Amino acid sequence: MAGMVKGAVIGGVVGAAAALLLAPKPGREMRQDLMAAYNKSMDKSKEWASTAGTKTQELASKVGQQASDIISQTKSAMTNAKDGINAAKDDISASLQESHKPN
């Protein structure tokens, strides 16, 4: 996406410059037109960069929240598994103790 944006900006600047250079105008007027085209391109580039930055921050926030949720779920699953293992261990120990008791 960044390559496409960069290409569009460069293409727009080159196209505007070529159109201005090939049009018969006095030097001062041509410089003004070039400067106006340059400023317009820069404004558009800044707008796109700002939008990309905002979207990147939103995406990073979502990814961070999802990672936090996954970590929480994993910790919960590990705790449940540990509790289950301990309960099974206690049951096995109790069963072994009962089996070793004389009748």
PDB file of N, CA and C in Angstrom:
ATOM      1  N   MET A   1       0.833  -1.186   0.000  1.00  0.00           N
ATOM      2  CA  MET A   1       0.000   0.000   0.000  1.00  0.00           C
ATOM      3  C   MET A   1       0.875   1.245   0.000  1.00  0.00           C
ATOM      4  N   ALA A   2       1.943   1.230   0.788  1.00  0.00           N
ATOM      5  CA  ALA A   2       2.826   2.392   0.848  1.00  0.00           C
ATOM      6  C   ALA A   2       3.470   2.644  -0.512  1.00  0.00           C
ATOM      7  N   GLY A   3       3.815   1.559  -1.210  1.00  0.00           N
ATOM      8  CA  GLY A   3       4.405   1.705  -2.533  1.00  0.00           C
ATOM      9  C   GLY A   3       3.435   2.307  -3.527  1.00  0.00           C
ATOM     10  N   MET A   4       2.161   1.935  -3.378  1.00  0.00           N
ATOM     11  CA  MET A   4       1.152   2.477  -4.278  1.00  0.00           C
ATOM     12  C   MET A   4       0.949   3.970  -4.009  1.00  0.00           C
ATOM     13  N   VAL A   5       0.907   4.337  -2.748  1.00  0.00           N
ATOM     14  CA  VAL A   5       0.733   5.752  -2.382  1.00  0.00           C
ATOM     15  C   VAL A   5       1.927   6.559  -2.877  1.00  0.00           C
ATOM     16  N   LYS A   6       3.106   6.016  -2.637  1.00  0.00           N
ATOM     17  CA  LYS A   6       4.332   6.709  -3.071  1.00  0.00           C
ATOM     18  C   LYS A   6       4.335   6.874  -4.590  1.00  0.00           C
ATOM     19  N   GLY A   7       3.948   5.821  -5.295  1.00  0.00           N
ATOM     20  CA  GLY A   7       3.896   5.879  -6.757  1.00  0.00           C
ATOM     21  C   GLY A   7       2.886   6.893  -7.258  1.00  0.00           C
ATOM     22  N   ALA A   8       1.726   6.958  -6.578  1.00  0.00           N
ATOM     23  CA  ALA A   8       0.693   7.915  -6.976  1.00  0.00           C
ATOM     24  C   ALA A   8       1.162   9.349  -6.772  1.00  0.00           C
ATOM     25  N   VAL A   9       1.826   9.592  -5.647  1.00  0.00           N
ATOM     26  CA  VAL A   9       2.318  10.947  -5.368  1.00  0.00           C
ATOM     27  C   VAL A   9       3.397  11.338  -6.373  1.00  0.00           C
ATOM     28  N   ILE A  10       4.346  10.441  -6.584  1.00  0.00           N
ATOM     29  CA  ILE A  10       5.431  10.735  -7.536  1.00  0.00           C
ATOM     30  C   ILE A  10       4.862  10.922  -8.940  1.00  0.00           C
ATOM     31  N   GLY A  11       3.929  10.052  -9.336  1.00  0.00           N
ATOM     32  CA  GLY A  11       3.312  10.176 -10.662  1.00  0.00           C
ATOM     33  C   GLY A  11       2.558  11.478 -10.816  1.00  0.00           C
ATOM     34  N   GLY A  12       1.849  11.878  -9.764  1.00  0.00           N
ATOM     35  CA  GLY A  12       1.119  13.145  -9.820  1.00  0.00           C
ATOM     36  C   GLY A  12       2.049  14.333  -9.954  1.00  0.00           C
ATOM     37  N   VAL A  13       3.141  14.310  -9.197  1.00  0.00           N
ATOM     38  CA  VAL A  13       4.105  15.413  -9.257  1.00  0.00           C
ATOM     39  C   VAL A  13       4.781  15.458 -10.629  1.00  0.00           C
ATOM     40  N   VAL A  14       5.192  14.313 -11.115  1.00  0.00           N
ATOM     41  CA  VAL A  14       5.862  14.266 -12.426  1.00  0.00           C
ATOM     42  C   VAL A  14       4.899  14.707 -13.532  1.00  0.00           C
ATOM     43  N   GLY A  15       3.651  14.239 -13.473  1.00  0.00           N
ATOM     44  CA  GLY A  15       2.660  14.623 -14.488  1.00  0.00           C
ATOM     45  C   GLY A  15       2.365  16.112 -14.454  1.00  0.00           C
ATOM     46  N   ALA A  16       2.217  16.642 -13.236  1.00  0.00           N
ATOM     47  CA  ALA A  16       1.944  18.082 -13.120  1.00  0.00           C
ATOM     48  C   ALA A  16       3.133  18.895 -13.616  1.00  0.00           C
ATOM     49  N   ALA A  17       4.324  18.465 -13.247  1.00  0.00           N
ATOM     50  CA  ALA A  17       5.526  19.190 -13.678  1.00  0.00           C
ATOM     51  C   ALA A  17       5.669  19.135 -15.198  1.00  0.00           C
ATOM     52  N   ALA A  18       5.410  17.977 -15.792  1.00  0.00           N
ATOM     53  CA  ALA A  18       5.525  17.845 -17.255  1.00  0.00           C
ATOM     54  C   ALA A  18       4.494  18.737 -17.944  1.00  0.00           C
ATOM     55  N   ALA A  19       3.282  18.761 -17.433  1.00  0.00           N
ATOM     56  CA  ALA A  19       2.244  19.599 -18.041  1.00  0.00           C
ATOM     57  C   ALA A  19       2.612  21.068 -17.945  1.00  0.00           C
ATOM     58  N   LEU A  20       3.147  21.460 -16.812  1.00  0.00           N
ATOM     59  CA  LEU A  20       3.520  22.859 -16.628  1.00  0.00           C
ATOM     60  C   LEU A  20       4.732  23.254 -17.481  1.00  0.00           C
ATOM     61  N   LEU A  21       5.669  22.330 -17.586  1.00  0.00           N
ATOM     62  CA  LEU A  21       6.869  22.633 -18.362  1.00  0.00           C
ATOM     63  C   LEU A  21       6.586  22.683 -19.866  1.00  0.00           C
ATOM     64  N   LEU A  22       5.619  21.910 -20.303  1.00  0.00           N
ATOM     65  CA  LEU A  22       5.323  21.878 -21.734  1.00  0.00           C
ATOM     66  C   LEU A  22       4.343  22.974 -22.157  1.00  0.00           C
ATOM     67  N   ALA A  23       3.696  23.589 -21.209  1.00  0.00           N
ATOM     68  CA  ALA A  23       2.763  24.672 -21.532  1.00  0.00           C
ATOM     69  C   ALA A  23       3.543  25.979 -21.726  1.00  0.00           C
ATOM     70  N   PRO A  24       3.190  26.776 -22.722  1.00  0.00           N
ATOM     71  CA  PRO A  24       3.920  28.031 -22.953  1.00  0.00           C
ATOM     72  C   PRO A  24       3.481  29.111 -21.940  1.00  0.00           C
ATOM     73  N   LYS A  25       4.322  29.306 -20.899  1.00  0.00           N
ATOM     74  CA  LYS A  25       4.051  30.323 -19.889  1.00  0.00           C
ATOM     75  C   LYS A  25       5.346  31.046 -19.566  1.00  0.00           C
ATOM     76  N   PRO A  26       5.231  32.254 -19.043  1.00  0.00           N
ATOM     77  CA  PRO A  26       6.435  32.953 -18.592  1.00  0.00           C
ATOM     78  C   PRO A  26       7.035  32.239 -17.375  1.00  0.00           C
ATOM     79  N   GLY A  27       8.320  32.445 -17.133  1.00  0.00           N
ATOM     80  CA  GLY A  27       9.049  31.783 -16.049  1.00  0.00           C
ATOM     81  C   GLY A  27       8.425  31.972 -14.674  1.00  0.00           C
ATOM     82  N   ARG A  28       8.041  33.205 -14.350  1.00  0.00           N
ATOM     83  CA  ARG A  28       7.470  33.487 -13.034  1.00  0.00           C
ATOM     84  C   ARG A  28       6.164  32.717 -12.835  1.00  0.00           C
ATOM     85  N   GLU A  29       5.313  32.741 -13.839  1.00  0.00           N
ATOM     86  CA  GLU A  29       4.031  32.048 -13.741  1.00  0.00           C
ATOM     87  C   GLU A  29       4.243  30.533 -13.643  1.00  0.00           C
ATOM     88  N   MET A  30       5.218  30.018 -14.398  1.00  0.00           N
ATOM     89  CA  MET A  30       5.511  28.597 -14.359  1.00  0.00           C
ATOM     90  C   MET A  30       6.022  28.186 -12.976  1.00  0.00           C
ATOM     91  N   ARG A  31       6.881  29.004 -12.375  1.00  0.00           N
ATOM     92  CA  ARG A  31       7.390  28.698 -11.036  1.00  0.00           C
ATOM     93  C   ARG A  31       6.260  28.696 -10.016  1.00  0.00           C
ATOM     94  N   GLN A  32       5.348  29.632 -10.155  1.00  0.00           N
ATOM     95  CA  GLN A  32       4.201  29.677  -9.241  1.00  0.00           C
ATOM     96  C   GLN A  32       3.329  28.427  -9.395  1.00  0.00           C
ATOM     97  N   ASP A  33       3.107  28.037 -10.648  1.00  0.00           N
ATOM     98  CA  ASP A  33       2.305  26.834 -10.890  1.00  0.00           C
ATOM     99  C   ASP A  33       2.997  25.580 -10.343  1.00  0.00           C
ATOM    100  N   LEU A  34       4.312  25.512 -10.551  1.00  0.00           N
ATOM    101  CA  LEU A  34       5.068  24.371 -10.019  1.00  0.00           C
ATOM    102  C   LEU A  34       4.995  24.333  -8.497  1.00  0.00           C
ATOM    103  N   MET A  35       5.143  25.497  -7.872  1.00  0.00           N
ATOM    104  CA  MET A  35       5.092  25.566  -6.412  1.00  0.00           C
ATOM    105  C   MET A  35       3.702  25.175  -5.909  1.00  0.00           C
ATOM    106  N   ALA A  36       2.658  25.624  -6.605  1.00  0.00           N
ATOM    107  CA  ALA A  36       1.293  25.263  -6.209  1.00  0.00           C
ATOM    108  C   ALA A  36       1.078  23.754  -6.329  1.00  0.00           C
ATOM    109  N   ALA A  37       1.555  23.162  -7.412  1.00  0.00           N
ATOM    110  CA  ALA A  37       1.422  21.715  -7.607  1.00  0.00           C
ATOM    111  C   ALA A  37       2.210  20.963  -6.535  1.00  0.00           C
ATOM    112  N   TYR A  38       3.403  21.442  -6.237  1.00  0.00           N
ATOM    113  CA  TYR A  38       4.234  20.822  -5.201  1.00  0.00           C
ATOM    114  C   TYR A  38       3.530  20.898  -3.841  1.00  0.00           C
ATOM    115  N   ASN A  39       3.008  22.070  -3.484  1.00  0.00           N
ATOM    116  CA  ASN A  39       2.322  22.234  -2.197  1.00  0.00           C
ATOM    117  C   ASN A  39       1.089  21.342  -2.102  1.00  0.00           C
ATOM    118  N   LYS A  40       0.343  21.241  -3.209  1.00  0.00           N
ATOM    119  CA  LYS A  40      -0.840  20.389  -3.217  1.00  0.00           C
ATOM    120  C   LYS A  40      -0.439  18.924  -3.001  1.00  0.00           C
ATOM    121  N   SER A  41       0.615  18.497  -3.667  1.00  0.00           N
ATOM    122  CA  SER A  41       1.095  17.120  -3.516  1.00  0.00           C
ATOM    123  C   SER A  41       1.577  16.863  -2.085  1.00  0.00           C
ATOM    124  N   MET A  42       2.274  17.810  -1.523  1.00  0.00           N
ATOM    125  CA  MET A  42       2.771  17.655  -0.151  1.00  0.00           C
ATOM    126  C   MET A  42       1.611  17.585   0.836  1.00  0.00           C
ATOM    127  N   ASP A  43       0.601  18.424   0.642  1.00  0.00           N
ATOM    128  CA  ASP A  43      -0.563  18.390   1.528  1.00  0.00           C
ATOM    129  C   ASP A  43      -1.260  17.033   1.459  1.00  0.00           C
ATOM    130  N   LYS A  44      -1.413  16.522   0.254  1.00  0.00           N
ATOM    131  CA  LYS A  44      -2.068  15.222   0.071  1.00  0.00           C
ATOM    132  C   LYS A  44      -1.221  14.117   0.704  1.00  0.00           C
ATOM    133  N   SER A  45       0.085  14.189   0.549  1.00  0.00           N
ATOM    134  CA  SER A  45       0.979  13.186   1.142  1.00  0.00           C
ATOM    135  C   SER A  45       0.885  13.221   2.663  1.00  0.00           C
ATOM    136  N   LYS A  46       0.845  14.417   3.234  1.00  0.00           N
ATOM    137  CA  LYS A  46       0.728  14.544   4.691  1.00  0.00           C
ATOM    138  C   LYS A  46      -0.607  13.978   5.171  1.00  0.00           C
ATOM    139  N   GLU A  47      -1.647  14.220   4.409  1.00  0.00           N
ATOM    140  CA  GLU A  47      -2.971  13.697   4.767  1.00  0.00           C
ATOM    141  C   GLU A  47      -2.957  12.173   4.758  1.00  0.00           C
ATOM    142  N   TRP A  48      -2.374  11.583   3.712  1.00  0.00           N
ATOM    143  CA  TRP A  48      -2.295  10.127   3.622  1.00  0.00           C
ATOM    144  C   TRP A  48      -1.430   9.559   4.745  1.00  0.00           C
ATOM    145  N   ALA A  49      -0.323  10.220   5.043  1.00  0.00           N
ATOM    146  CA  ALA A  49       0.560   9.748   6.112  1.00  0.00           C
ATOM    147  C   ALA A  49      -0.157   9.804   7.460  1.00  0.00           C
ATOM    148  N   SER A  50      -0.911  10.853   7.689  1.00  0.00           N
ATOM    149  CA  SER A  50      -1.671  10.977   8.933  1.00  0.00           C
ATOM    150  C   SER A  50      -2.713   9.878   9.039  1.00  0.00           C
ATOM    151  N   THR A  51      -3.426   9.621   7.956  1.00  0.00           N
ATOM    152  CA  THR A  51      -4.432   8.565   7.944  1.00  0.00           C
ATOM    153  C   THR A  51      -3.780   7.205   8.188  1.00  0.00           C
ATOM    154  N   ALA A  52      -2.662   6.961   7.528  1.00  0.00           N
ATOM    155  CA  ALA A  52      -1.955   5.687   7.712  1.00  0.00           C
ATOM    156  C   ALA A  52      -1.485   5.544   9.159  1.00  0.00           C
ATOM    157  N   GLY A  53      -0.982   6.621   9.753  1.00  0.00           N
ATOM    158  CA  GLY A  53      -0.543   6.576  11.147  1.00  0.00           C
ATOM    159  C   GLY A  53      -1.682   6.273  12.095  1.00  0.00           C
ATOM    160  N   THR A  54      -2.828   6.891  11.863  1.00  0.00           N
ATOM    161  CA  THR A  54      -3.997   6.651  12.714  1.00  0.00           C
ATOM    162  C   THR A  54      -4.454   5.201  12.598  1.00  0.00           C
ATOM    163  N   LYS A  55      -4.533   4.713  11.375  1.00  0.00           N
ATOM    164  CA  LYS A  55      -4.968   3.327  11.173  1.00  0.00           C
ATOM    165  C   LYS A  55      -3.967   2.347  11.775  1.00  0.00           C
ATOM    166  N   THR A  56      -2.678   2.663  11.687  1.00  0.00           N
ATOM    167  CA  THR A  56      -1.657   1.812  12.274  1.00  0.00           C
ATOM    168  C   THR A  56      -1.807   1.764  13.793  1.00  0.00           C
ATOM    169  N   GLN A  57      -2.069   2.906  14.416  1.00  0.00           N
ATOM    170  CA  GLN A  57      -2.267   2.943  15.865  1.00  0.00           C
ATOM    171  C   GLN A  57      -3.506   2.137  16.264  1.00  0.00           C
ATOM    172  N   GLU A  58      -4.579   2.264  15.506  1.00  0.00           N
ATOM    173  CA  GLU A  58      -5.794   1.501  15.798  1.00  0.00           C
ATOM    174  C   GLU A  58      -5.527   0.001  15.695  1.00  0.00           C
ATOM    175  N   LEU A  59      -4.820  -0.399  14.647  1.00  0.00           N
ATOM    176  CA  LEU A  59      -4.504  -1.804  14.451  1.00  0.00           C
ATOM    177  C   LEU A  59      -3.606  -2.326  15.575  1.00  0.00           C
ATOM    178  N   ALA A  60      -2.609  -1.534  15.955  1.00  0.00           N
ATOM    179  CA  ALA A  60      -1.715  -1.942  17.036  1.00  0.00           C
ATOM    180  C   ALA A  60      -2.482  -2.101  18.339  1.00  0.00           C
ATOM    181  N   SER A  61      -3.421  -1.222  18.589  1.00  0.00           N
ATOM    182  CA  SER A  61      -4.244  -1.314  19.795  1.00  0.00           C
ATOM    183  C   SER A  61      -5.086  -2.586  19.785  1.00  0.00           C
ATOM    184  N   LYS A  62      -5.700  -2.885  18.644  1.00  0.00           N
ATOM    185  CA  LYS A  62      -6.518  -4.101  18.538  1.00  0.00           C
ATOM    186  C   LYS A  62      -5.665  -5.350  18.736  1.00  0.00           C
ATOM    187  N   VAL A  63      -4.495  -5.369  18.110  1.00  0.00           N
ATOM    188  CA  VAL A  63      -3.610  -6.527  18.231  1.00  0.00           C
ATOM    189  C   VAL A  63      -3.159  -6.688  19.685  1.00  0.00           C
ATOM    190  N   GLY A  64      -2.830  -5.583  20.330  1.00  0.00           N
ATOM    191  CA  GLY A  64      -2.423  -5.632  21.733  1.00  0.00           C
ATOM    192  C   GLY A  64      -3.529  -6.160  22.619  1.00  0.00           C
ATOM    193  N   GLN A  65      -4.758  -5.731  22.384  1.00  0.00           N
ATOM    194  CA  GLN A  65      -5.891  -6.203  23.186  1.00  0.00           C
ATOM    195  C   GLN A  65      -6.126  -7.687  22.958  1.00  0.00           C
ATOM    196  N   GLN A  66      -6.046  -8.115  21.698  1.00  0.00           N
ATOM    197  CA  GLN A  66      -6.241  -9.536  21.403  1.00  0.00           C
ATOM    198  C   GLN A  66      -5.146 -10.380  22.034  1.00  0.00           C
ATOM    199  N   ALA A  67      -3.918  -9.895  21.994  1.00  0.00           N
ATOM    200  CA  ALA A  67      -2.816 -10.620  22.624  1.00  0.00           C
ATOM    201  C   ALA A  67      -3.042 -10.725  24.131  1.00  0.00           C
ATOM    202  N   SER A  68      -3.493  -9.653  24.732  1.00  0.00           N
ATOM    203  CA  SER A  68      -3.787  -9.660  26.165  1.00  0.00           C
ATOM    204  C   SER A  68      -4.894 -10.665  26.486  1.00  0.00           C
ATOM    205  N   ASP A  69      -5.932 -10.706  25.656  1.00  0.00           N
ATOM    206  CA  ASP A  69      -7.018 -11.666  25.853  1.00  0.00           C
ATOM    207  C   ASP A  69      -6.517 -13.105  25.737  1.00  0.00           C
ATOM    208  N   ILE A  70      -5.672 -13.355  24.758  1.00  0.00           N
ATOM    209  CA  ILE A  70      -5.130 -14.708  24.554  1.00  0.00           C
ATOM    210  C   ILE A  70      -4.267 -15.108  25.748  1.00  0.00           C
ATOM    211  N   ILE A  71      -3.461 -14.191  26.246  1.00  0.00           N
ATOM    212  CA  ILE A  71      -2.623 -14.481  27.410  1.00  0.00           C
ATOM    213  C   ILE A  71      -3.495 -14.812  28.611  1.00  0.00           C
ATOM    214  N   SER A  72      -4.547 -14.042  28.814  1.00  0.00           N
ATOM    215  CA  SER A  72      -5.468 -14.287  29.927  1.00  0.00           C
ATOM    216  C   SER A  72      -6.133 -15.651  29.799  1.00  0.00           C
ATOM    217  N   GLN A  73      -6.581 -15.990  28.609  1.00  0.00           N
ATOM    218  CA  GLN A  73      -7.219 -17.287  28.383  1.00  0.00           C
ATOM    219  C   GLN A  73      -6.229 -18.427  28.601  1.00  0.00           C
ATOM    220  N   THR A  74      -5.002 -18.236  28.165  1.00  0.00           N
ATOM    221  CA  THR A  74      -3.975 -19.261  28.334  1.00  0.00           C
ATOM    222  C   THR A  74      -3.665 -19.472  29.811  1.00  0.00           C
ATOM    223  N   LYS A  75      -3.556 -18.386  30.563  1.00  0.00           N
ATOM    224  CA  LYS A  75      -3.297 -18.512  32.001  1.00  0.00           C
ATOM    225  C   LYS A  75      -4.444 -19.245  32.686  1.00  0.00           C
ATOM    226  N   SER A  76      -5.662 -18.911  32.306  1.00  0.00           N
ATOM    227  CA  SER A  76      -6.829 -19.569  32.888  1.00  0.00           C
ATOM    228  C   SER A  76      -6.833 -21.061  32.562  1.00  0.00           C
ATOM    229  N   ALA A  77      -6.533 -21.410  31.325  1.00  0.00           N
ATOM    230  CA  ALA A  77      -6.495 -22.814  30.914  1.00  0.00           C
ATOM    231  C   ALA A  77      -5.397 -23.566  31.655  1.00  0.00           C
ATOM    232  N   MET A  78      -4.249 -22.913  31.833  1.00  0.00           N
ATOM    233  CA  MET A  78      -3.151 -23.554  32.562  1.00  0.00           C
ATOM    234  C   MET A  78      -3.524 -23.779  34.023  1.00  0.00           C
ATOM    235  N   THR A  79      -4.190 -22.811  34.628  1.00  0.00           N
ATOM    236  CA  THR A  79      -4.625 -22.956  36.017  1.00  0.00           C
ATOM    237  C   THR A  79      -5.631 -24.097  36.135  1.00  0.00           C
ATOM    238  N   ASN A  80      -6.577 -24.155  35.201  1.00  0.00           N
ATOM    239  CA  ASN A  80      -7.564 -25.239  35.221  1.00  0.00           C
ATOM    240  C   ASN A  80      -6.896 -26.601  35.033  1.00  0.00           C
ATOM    241  N   ALA A  81      -5.933 -26.670  34.123  1.00  0.00           N
ATOM    242  CA  ALA A  81      -5.225 -27.926  33.889  1.00  0.00           C
ATOM    243  C   ALA A  81      -4.434 -28.331  35.133  1.00  0.00           C
ATOM    244  N   LYS A  82      -3.775 -27.379  35.760  1.00  0.00           N
ATOM    245  CA  LYS A  82      -3.008 -27.659  36.972  1.00  0.00           C
ATOM    246  C   LYS A  82      -3.925 -28.157  38.076  1.00  0.00           C
ATOM    247  N   ASP A  83      -5.074 -27.510  38.243  1.00  0.00           N
ATOM    248  CA  ASP A  83      -6.037 -27.943  39.259  1.00  0.00           C
ATOM    249  C   ASP A  83      -6.543 -29.356  38.963  1.00  0.00           C
ATOM    250  N   GLY A  84      -6.816 -29.634  37.706  1.00  0.00           N
ATOM    251  CA  GLY A  84      -7.268 -30.970  37.311  1.00  0.00           C
ATOM    252  C   GLY A  84      -6.213 -32.028  37.571  1.00  0.00           C
ATOM    253  N   ILE A  85      -4.966 -31.707  37.272  1.00  0.00           N
ATOM    254  CA  ILE A  85      -3.868 -32.648  37.511  1.00  0.00           C
ATOM    255  C   ILE A  85      -3.709 -32.902  39.005  1.00  0.00           C
ATOM    256  N   ASN A  86      -3.774 -31.830  39.789  1.00  0.00           N
ATOM    257  CA  ASN A  86      -3.645 -31.999  41.242  1.00  0.00           C
ATOM    258  C   ASN A  86      -4.797 -32.832  41.803  1.00  0.00           C
ATOM    259  N   ALA A  87      -6.018 -32.617  41.311  1.00  0.00           N
ATOM    260  CA  ALA A  87      -7.162 -33.401  41.767  1.00  0.00           C
ATOM    261  C   ALA A  87      -6.991 -34.863  41.386  1.00  0.00           C
ATOM    262  N   ALA A  88      -6.520 -35.125  40.163  1.00  0.00           N
ATOM    263  CA  ALA A  88      -6.294 -36.501  39.721  1.00  0.00           C
ATOM    264  C   ALA A  88      -5.197 -37.153  40.557  1.00  0.00           C
ATOM    265  N   LYS A  89      -4.157 -36.395  40.855  1.00  0.00           N
ATOM    266  CA  LYS A  89      -3.061 -36.912  41.682  1.00  0.00           C
ATOM    267  C   LYS A  89      -3.571 -37.288  43.068  1.00  0.00           C
ATOM    268  N   ASP A  90      -4.412 -36.434  43.642  1.00  0.00           N
ATOM    269  CA  ASP A  90      -4.980 -36.708  44.963  1.00  0.00           C
ATOM    270  C   ASP A  90      -5.870 -37.949  44.924  1.00  0.00           C
ATOM    271  N   ASP A  91      -6.665 -38.092  43.858  1.00  0.00           N
ATOM    272  CA  ASP A  91      -7.532 -39.268  43.717  1.00  0.00           C
ATOM    273  C   ASP A  91      -6.704 -40.540  43.595  1.00  0.00           C
ATOM    274  N   ILE A  92      -5.636 -40.485  42.820  1.00  0.00           N
ATOM    275  CA  ILE A  92      -4.773 -41.653  42.640  1.00  0.00           C
ATOM    276  C   ILE A  92      -4.092 -42.003  43.955  1.00  0.00           C
ATOM    277  N   SER A  93      -3.616 -41.005  44.668  1.00  0.00           N
ATOM    278  CA  SER A  93      -2.974 -41.249  45.964  1.00  0.00           C
ATOM    279  C   SER A  93      -3.956 -41.886  46.934  1.00  0.00           C
ATOM    280  N   ALA A  94      -5.180 -41.363  46.962  1.00  0.00           N
ATOM    281  CA  ALA A  94      -6.193 -41.923  47.862  1.00  0.00           C
ATOM    282  C   ALA A  94      -6.522 -43.357  47.469  1.00  0.00           C
ATOM    283  N   SER A  95      -6.620 -43.614  46.179  1.00  0.00           N
ATOM    284  CA  SER A  95      -6.921 -44.971  45.711  1.00  0.00           C
ATOM    285  C   SER A  95      -5.794 -45.927  46.071  1.00  0.00           C
ATOM    286  N   LEU A  96      -4.571 -45.484  45.920  1.00  0.00           N
ATOM    287  CA  LEU A  96      -3.414 -46.335  46.264  1.00  0.00           C
ATOM    288  C   LEU A  96      -3.379 -46.625  47.761  1.00  0.00           C
ATOM    289  N   GLN A  97      -3.690 -45.617  48.541  1.00  0.00           N
ATOM    290  CA  GLN A  97      -3.680 -45.821  49.999  1.00  0.00           C
ATOM    291  C   GLN A  97      -4.770 -46.798  50.402  1.00  0.00           C
ATOM    292  N   GLU A  98      -5.925 -46.712  49.786  1.00  0.00           N
ATOM    293  CA  GLU A  98      -7.027 -47.627  50.097  1.00  0.00           C
ATOM    294  C   GLU A  98      -6.691 -49.046  49.648  1.00  0.00           C
ATOM    295  N   SER A  99      -6.007 -49.177  48.530  1.00  0.00           N
ATOM    296  CA  SER A  99      -5.682 -50.513  48.035  1.00  0.00           C
ATOM    297  C   SER A  99      -4.608 -51.186  48.885  1.00  0.00           C
ATOM    298  N   HIS A 100      -3.819 -50.408  49.596  1.00  0.00           N
ATOM    299  CA  HIS A 100      -2.767 -50.983  50.446  1.00  0.00           C
ATOM    300  C   HIS A 100      -3.258 -51.256  51.870  1.00  0.00           C
ATOM    301  N   LYS A 101      -4.475 -50.880  52.207  1.00  0.00           N
ATOM    302  CA  LYS A 101      -5.033 -51.151  53.533  1.00  0.00           C
ATOM    303  C   LYS A 101      -5.412 -52.630  53.637  1.00  0.00           C
ATOM    304  N   PRO A 102      -5.128 -53.200  54.775  1.00  0.00           N
ATOM    305  CA  PRO A 102      -5.563 -54.605  54.951  1.00  0.00           C
ATOM    306  C   PRO A 102      -7.079 -54.680  55.103  1.00  0.00           C
ATOM    307  N   ASN A 103      -7.681 -55.700  54.586  1.00  0.00           N
ATOM    308  CA  ASN A 103      -9.142 -55.877  54.665  1.00  0.00           C
ATOM    309  C   ASN A 103      -9.540 -56.450  55.952  1.00  0.00           C
TER     310      ASN A 103
END
